[in-house]
PDB file of N, CA and C in Angstrom:
ATOM      1  N   UNK A   1      24.017  34.731 -17.061  1.00  0.00           N
ATOM      2  CA  UNK A   1      22.708  34.112 -17.164  1.00  0.00           C
ATOM      3  C   UNK A   1      22.804  32.710 -16.570  1.00  0.00           C
ATOM      4  N   UNK A   2      21.864  32.341 -15.726  1.00  0.00           N
ATOM      5  CA  UNK A   2      21.842  31.019 -15.090  1.00  0.00           C
ATOM      6  C   UNK A   2      21.341  29.971 -16.078  1.00  0.00           C
ATOM      7  N   UNK A   3      21.913  28.762 -16.014  1.00  0.00           N
ATOM      8  CA  UNK A   3      21.451  27.704 -16.924  1.00  0.00           C
ATOM      9  C   UNK A   3      20.015  27.295 -16.584  1.00  0.00           C
ATOM     10  N   UNK A   4      19.295  26.862 -17.597  1.00  0.00           N
ATOM     11  CA  UNK A   4      17.919  26.399 -17.421  1.00  0.00           C
ATOM     12  C   UNK A   4      17.970  24.936 -17.006  1.00  0.00           C
ATOM     13  N   UNK A   5      17.850  24.676 -15.702  1.00  0.00           N
ATOM     14  CA  UNK A   5      17.969  23.320 -15.197  1.00  0.00           C
ATOM     15  C   UNK A   5      16.643  22.870 -14.599  1.00  0.00           C
ATOM     16  N   UNK A   6      16.400  21.580 -14.680  1.00  0.00           N
ATOM     17  CA  UNK A   6      15.211  20.993 -14.090  1.00  0.00           C
ATOM     18  C   UNK A   6      15.643  20.248 -12.838  1.00  0.00           C
ATOM     19  N   UNK A   7      14.916  20.446 -11.759  1.00  0.00           N
ATOM     20  CA  UNK A   7      15.245  19.759 -10.512  1.00  0.00           C
ATOM     21  C   UNK A   7      15.017  18.264 -10.650  1.00  0.00           C
ATOM     22  N   UNK A   8      15.880  17.481 -10.012  1.00  0.00           N
ATOM     23  CA  UNK A   8      15.726  16.033 -10.032  1.00  0.00           C
ATOM     24  C   UNK A   8      14.457  15.641  -9.304  1.00  0.00           C
ATOM     25  N   UNK A   9      13.730  14.689  -9.870  1.00  0.00           N
ATOM     26  CA  UNK A   9      12.506  14.209  -9.238  1.00  0.00           C
ATOM     27  C   UNK A   9      12.825  13.137  -8.212  1.00  0.00           C
ATOM     28  N   UNK A  10      12.080  13.151  -7.126  1.00  0.00           N
ATOM     29  CA  UNK A  10      12.227  12.093  -6.137  1.00  0.00           C
ATOM     30  C   UNK A  10      11.405  10.901  -6.611  1.00  0.00           C
ATOM     31  N   UNK A  11      11.997   9.714  -6.566  1.00  0.00           N
ATOM     32  CA  UNK A  11      11.324   8.513  -7.048  1.00  0.00           C
ATOM     33  C   UNK A  11      11.096   7.576  -5.873  1.00  0.00           C
ATOM     34  N   UNK A  12       9.874   7.164  -5.721  1.00  0.00           N
ATOM     35  CA  UNK A  12       9.504   6.221  -4.670  1.00  0.00           C
ATOM     36  C   UNK A  12      10.120   4.859  -4.983  1.00  0.00           C
ATOM     37  N   UNK A  13      10.749   4.246  -4.008  1.00  0.00           N
ATOM     38  CA  UNK A  13      11.424   2.960  -4.219  1.00  0.00           C
ATOM     39  C   UNK A  13      10.452   1.848  -4.572  1.00  0.00           C
ATOM     40  N   UNK A  14       9.234   1.908  -4.073  1.00  0.00           N
ATOM     41  CA  UNK A  14       8.288   0.827  -4.344  1.00  0.00           C
ATOM     42  C   UNK A  14       7.160   1.263  -5.279  1.00  0.00           C
ATOM     43  N   UNK A  15       7.391   2.237  -6.123  1.00  0.00           N
ATOM     44  CA  UNK A  15       6.384   2.700  -7.072  1.00  0.00           C
ATOM     45  C   UNK A  15       6.114   1.616  -8.104  1.00  0.00           C
ATOM     46  N   UNK A  16       4.859   1.498  -8.501  1.00  0.00           N
ATOM     47  CA  UNK A  16       4.470   0.558  -9.545  1.00  0.00           C
ATOM     48  C   UNK A  16       3.830   1.346 -10.675  1.00  0.00           C
ATOM     49  N   UNK A  17       4.489   1.382 -11.822  1.00  0.00           N
ATOM     50  CA  UNK A  17       4.003   2.143 -12.965  1.00  0.00           C
ATOM     51  C   UNK A  17       3.579   1.175 -14.052  1.00  0.00           C
ATOM     52  N   UNK A  18       2.392   1.429 -14.617  1.00  0.00           N
ATOM     53  CA  UNK A  18       1.845   0.587 -15.676  1.00  0.00           C
ATOM     54  C   UNK A  18       1.315   1.471 -16.790  1.00  0.00           C
ATOM     55  N   UNK A  19       1.189   0.869 -17.963  1.00  0.00           N
ATOM     56  CA  UNK A  19       0.627   1.581 -19.109  1.00  0.00           C
ATOM     57  C   UNK A  19      -0.428   0.714 -19.767  1.00  0.00           C
ATOM     58  N   UNK A  20      -1.416   1.376 -20.360  1.00  0.00           N
ATOM     59  CA  UNK A  20      -2.437   0.653 -21.106  1.00  0.00           C
ATOM     60  C   UNK A  20      -2.986   1.566 -22.192  1.00  0.00           C
ATOM     61  N   UNK A  21      -3.700   0.960 -23.131  1.00  0.00           N
ATOM     62  CA  UNK A  21      -4.352   1.718 -24.195  1.00  0.00           C
ATOM     63  C   UNK A  21      -5.851   1.621 -23.965  1.00  0.00           C
ATOM     64  N   UNK A  22      -6.470   2.774 -23.853  1.00  0.00           N
ATOM     65  CA  UNK A  22      -7.913   2.852 -23.669  1.00  0.00           C
ATOM     66  C   UNK A  22      -8.543   3.037 -25.040  1.00  0.00           C
ATOM     67  N   UNK A  23      -9.397   2.077 -25.425  1.00  0.00           N
ATOM     68  CA  UNK A  23     -10.027   2.139 -26.740  1.00  0.00           C
ATOM     69  C   UNK A  23     -11.316   2.937 -26.665  1.00  0.00           C
ATOM     70  N   UNK A  24     -11.664   3.558 -27.752  1.00  0.00           N
ATOM     71  CA  UNK A  24     -12.877   4.365 -27.839  1.00  0.00           C
ATOM     72  C   UNK A  24     -12.843   5.144 -29.138  1.00  0.00           C
ATOM     73  N   UNK A  25     -13.572   6.243 -29.210  1.00  0.00           N
ATOM     74  CA  UNK A  25     -13.536   7.057 -30.426  1.00  0.00           C
ATOM     75  C   UNK A  25     -12.102   7.505 -30.751  1.00  0.00           C
ATOM     76  N   UNK A  26     -11.329   7.794 -29.703  1.00  0.00           N
ATOM     77  CA  UNK A  26      -9.909   8.119 -29.846  1.00  0.00           C
ATOM     78  C   UNK A  26      -9.133   7.200 -28.915  1.00  0.00           C
ATOM     79  N   UNK A  27      -8.194   6.410 -29.461  1.00  0.00           N
ATOM     80  CA  UNK A  27      -7.387   5.545 -28.600  1.00  0.00           C
ATOM     81  C   UNK A  27      -6.451   6.417 -27.773  1.00  0.00           C
ATOM     82  N   UNK A  28      -6.360   6.118 -26.469  1.00  0.00           N
ATOM     83  CA  UNK A  28      -5.587   6.926 -25.539  1.00  0.00           C
ATOM     84  C   UNK A  28      -4.587   6.063 -24.794  1.00  0.00           C
ATOM     85  N   UNK A  29      -3.347   6.514 -24.719  1.00  0.00           N
ATOM     86  CA  UNK A  29      -2.326   5.867 -23.911  1.00  0.00           C
ATOM     87  C   UNK A  29      -2.443   6.411 -22.497  1.00  0.00           C
ATOM     88  N   UNK A  30      -2.513   5.507 -21.506  1.00  0.00           N
ATOM     89  CA  UNK A  30      -2.600   5.897 -20.103  1.00  0.00           C
ATOM     90  C   UNK A  30      -1.383   5.322 -19.390  1.00  0.00           C
ATOM     91  N   UNK A  31      -0.627   6.160 -18.705  1.00  0.00           N
ATOM     92  CA  UNK A  31       0.505   5.728 -17.880  1.00  0.00           C
ATOM     93  C   UNK A  31       0.169   6.134 -16.455  1.00  0.00           C
ATOM     94  N   UNK A  32       0.201   5.140 -15.536  1.00  0.00           N
ATOM     95  CA  UNK A  32      -0.224   5.425 -14.162  1.00  0.00           C
ATOM     96  C   UNK A  32       0.717   4.804 -13.148  1.00  0.00           C
ATOM     97  N   UNK A  33       0.912   5.534 -12.046  1.00  0.00           N
ATOM     98  CA  UNK A  33       1.620   5.007 -10.875  1.00  0.00           C
ATOM     99  C   UNK A  33       0.529   4.479  -9.963  1.00  0.00           C
ATOM    100  N   UNK A  34       0.350   3.153  -9.921  1.00  0.00           N
ATOM    101  CA  UNK A  34      -0.757   2.576  -9.175  1.00  0.00           C
ATOM    102  C   UNK A  34      -0.511   2.569  -7.673  1.00  0.00           C
ATOM    103  N   UNK A  35       0.681   2.977  -7.244  1.00  0.00           N
ATOM    104  CA  UNK A  35       0.958   3.035  -5.814  1.00  0.00           C
ATOM    105  C   UNK A  35       0.596   4.393  -5.212  1.00  0.00           C
ATOM    106  N   UNK A  36       0.047   5.301  -6.040  1.00  0.00           N
ATOM    107  CA  UNK A  36      -0.281   6.654  -5.582  1.00  0.00           C
ATOM    108  C   UNK A  36      -1.598   7.093  -6.231  1.00  0.00           C
ATOM    109  N   UNK A  37      -2.528   7.620  -5.427  1.00  0.00           N
ATOM    110  CA  UNK A  37      -3.806   8.091  -5.958  1.00  0.00           C
ATOM    111  C   UNK A  37      -3.610   9.247  -6.933  1.00  0.00           C
ATOM    112  N   UNK A  38      -4.379   9.237  -8.002  1.00  0.00           N
ATOM    113  CA  UNK A  38      -4.418  10.314  -9.000  1.00  0.00           C
ATOM    114  C   UNK A  38      -3.066  10.625  -9.632  1.00  0.00           C
ATOM    115  N   UNK A  39      -2.192   9.629  -9.757  1.00  0.00           N
ATOM    116  CA  UNK A  39      -0.883   9.837 -10.390  1.00  0.00           C
ATOM    117  C   UNK A  39      -0.899   9.148 -11.751  1.00  0.00           C
ATOM    118  N   UNK A  40      -1.367   9.863 -12.757  1.00  0.00           N
ATOM    119  CA  UNK A  40      -1.440   9.299 -14.097  1.00  0.00           C
ATOM    120  C   UNK A  40      -1.330  10.416 -15.127  1.00  0.00           C
ATOM    121  N   UNK A  41      -1.043  10.021 -16.363  1.00  0.00           N
ATOM    122  CA  UNK A  41      -1.079  10.958 -17.466  1.00  0.00           C
ATOM    123  C   UNK A  41      -1.640  10.241 -18.673  1.00  0.00           C
ATOM    124  N   UNK A  42      -2.230  10.997 -19.574  1.00  0.00           N
ATOM    125  CA  UNK A  42      -2.812  10.431 -20.785  1.00  0.00           C
ATOM    126  C   UNK A  42      -2.314  11.204 -21.998  1.00  0.00           C
ATOM    127  N   UNK A  43      -2.332  10.516 -23.132  1.00  0.00           N
ATOM    128  CA  UNK A  43      -1.960  11.144 -24.397  1.00  0.00           C
ATOM    129  C   UNK A  43      -2.661  10.387 -25.514  1.00  0.00           C
ATOM    130  N   UNK A  44      -3.049  11.065 -26.572  1.00  0.00           N
ATOM    131  CA  UNK A  44      -3.608  10.342 -27.713  1.00  0.00           C
ATOM    132  C   UNK A  44      -2.580   9.312 -28.200  1.00  0.00           C
ATOM    133  N   UNK A  45      -3.027   8.102 -28.479  1.00  0.00           N
ATOM    134  CA  UNK A  45      -2.112   7.045 -28.889  1.00  0.00           C
ATOM    135  C   UNK A  45      -1.329   7.447 -30.134  1.00  0.00           C
ATOM    136  N   UNK A  46      -1.959   8.193 -31.029  1.00  0.00           N
ATOM    137  CA  UNK A  46      -1.274   8.628 -32.256  1.00  0.00           C
ATOM    138  C   UNK A  46      -0.068   9.514 -31.952  1.00  0.00           C
ATOM    139  N   UNK A  47      -0.077  10.213 -30.804  1.00  0.00           N
ATOM    140  CA  UNK A  47       1.022  11.104 -30.422  1.00  0.00           C
ATOM    141  C   UNK A  47       2.080  10.422 -29.563  1.00  0.00           C
ATOM    142  N   UNK A  48       1.814   9.205 -29.113  1.00  0.00           N
ATOM    143  CA  UNK A  48       2.745   8.502 -28.224  1.00  0.00           C
ATOM    144  C   UNK A  48       3.912   7.924 -29.025  1.00  0.00           C
ATOM    145  N   UNK A  49       5.090   7.885 -28.418  1.00  0.00           N
ATOM    146  CA  UNK A  49       6.282   7.332 -29.069  1.00  0.00           C
ATOM    147  C   UNK A  49       6.167   5.808 -29.139  1.00  0.00           C
ATOM    148  N   UNK A  50       6.642   5.234 -30.226  1.00  0.00           N
ATOM    149  CA  UNK A  50       6.669   3.781 -30.367  1.00  0.00           C
ATOM    150  C   UNK A  50       7.897   3.236 -29.648  1.00  0.00           C
ATOM    151  N   UNK A  51       7.931   1.929 -29.395  1.00  0.00           N
ATOM    152  CA  UNK A  51       9.087   1.342 -28.733  1.00  0.00           C
ATOM    153  C   UNK A  51      10.387   1.596 -29.497  1.00  0.00           C
ATOM    154  N   UNK A  52      10.447   1.424 -30.830  1.00  0.00           N
ATOM    155  CA  UNK A  52      11.702   1.720 -31.526  1.00  0.00           C
ATOM    156  C   UNK A  52      12.138   3.190 -31.379  1.00  0.00           C
ATOM    157  N   UNK A  53      11.180   4.122 -31.264  1.00  0.00           N
ATOM    158  CA  UNK A  53      11.534   5.527 -31.071  1.00  0.00           C
ATOM    159  C   UNK A  53      12.158   5.770 -29.699  1.00  0.00           C
ATOM    160  N   UNK A  54      11.801   4.951 -28.699  1.00  0.00           N
ATOM    161  CA  UNK A  54      12.350   5.093 -27.356  1.00  0.00           C
ATOM    162  C   UNK A  54      13.762   4.546 -27.268  1.00  0.00           C
ATOM    163  N   UNK A  55      14.143   3.664 -28.166  1.00  0.00           N
ATOM    164  CA  UNK A  55      15.462   3.015 -28.095  1.00  0.00           C
ATOM    165  C   UNK A  55      16.544   3.902 -28.587  1.00  0.00           C
TER     166      UNK A  55
END
């Protein structure tokens, strides 16, 4: 059986990634690569990892 491997992603050397919290009825975490059109992801803020969880 072959191992379940994920291919390495190519990373742009000059990519600029930012995050923000969009307020509203549901607070949403938005992470976007501003150097590329339509390159973003969103998640409910309640489901996002906190900084201590990332460490």
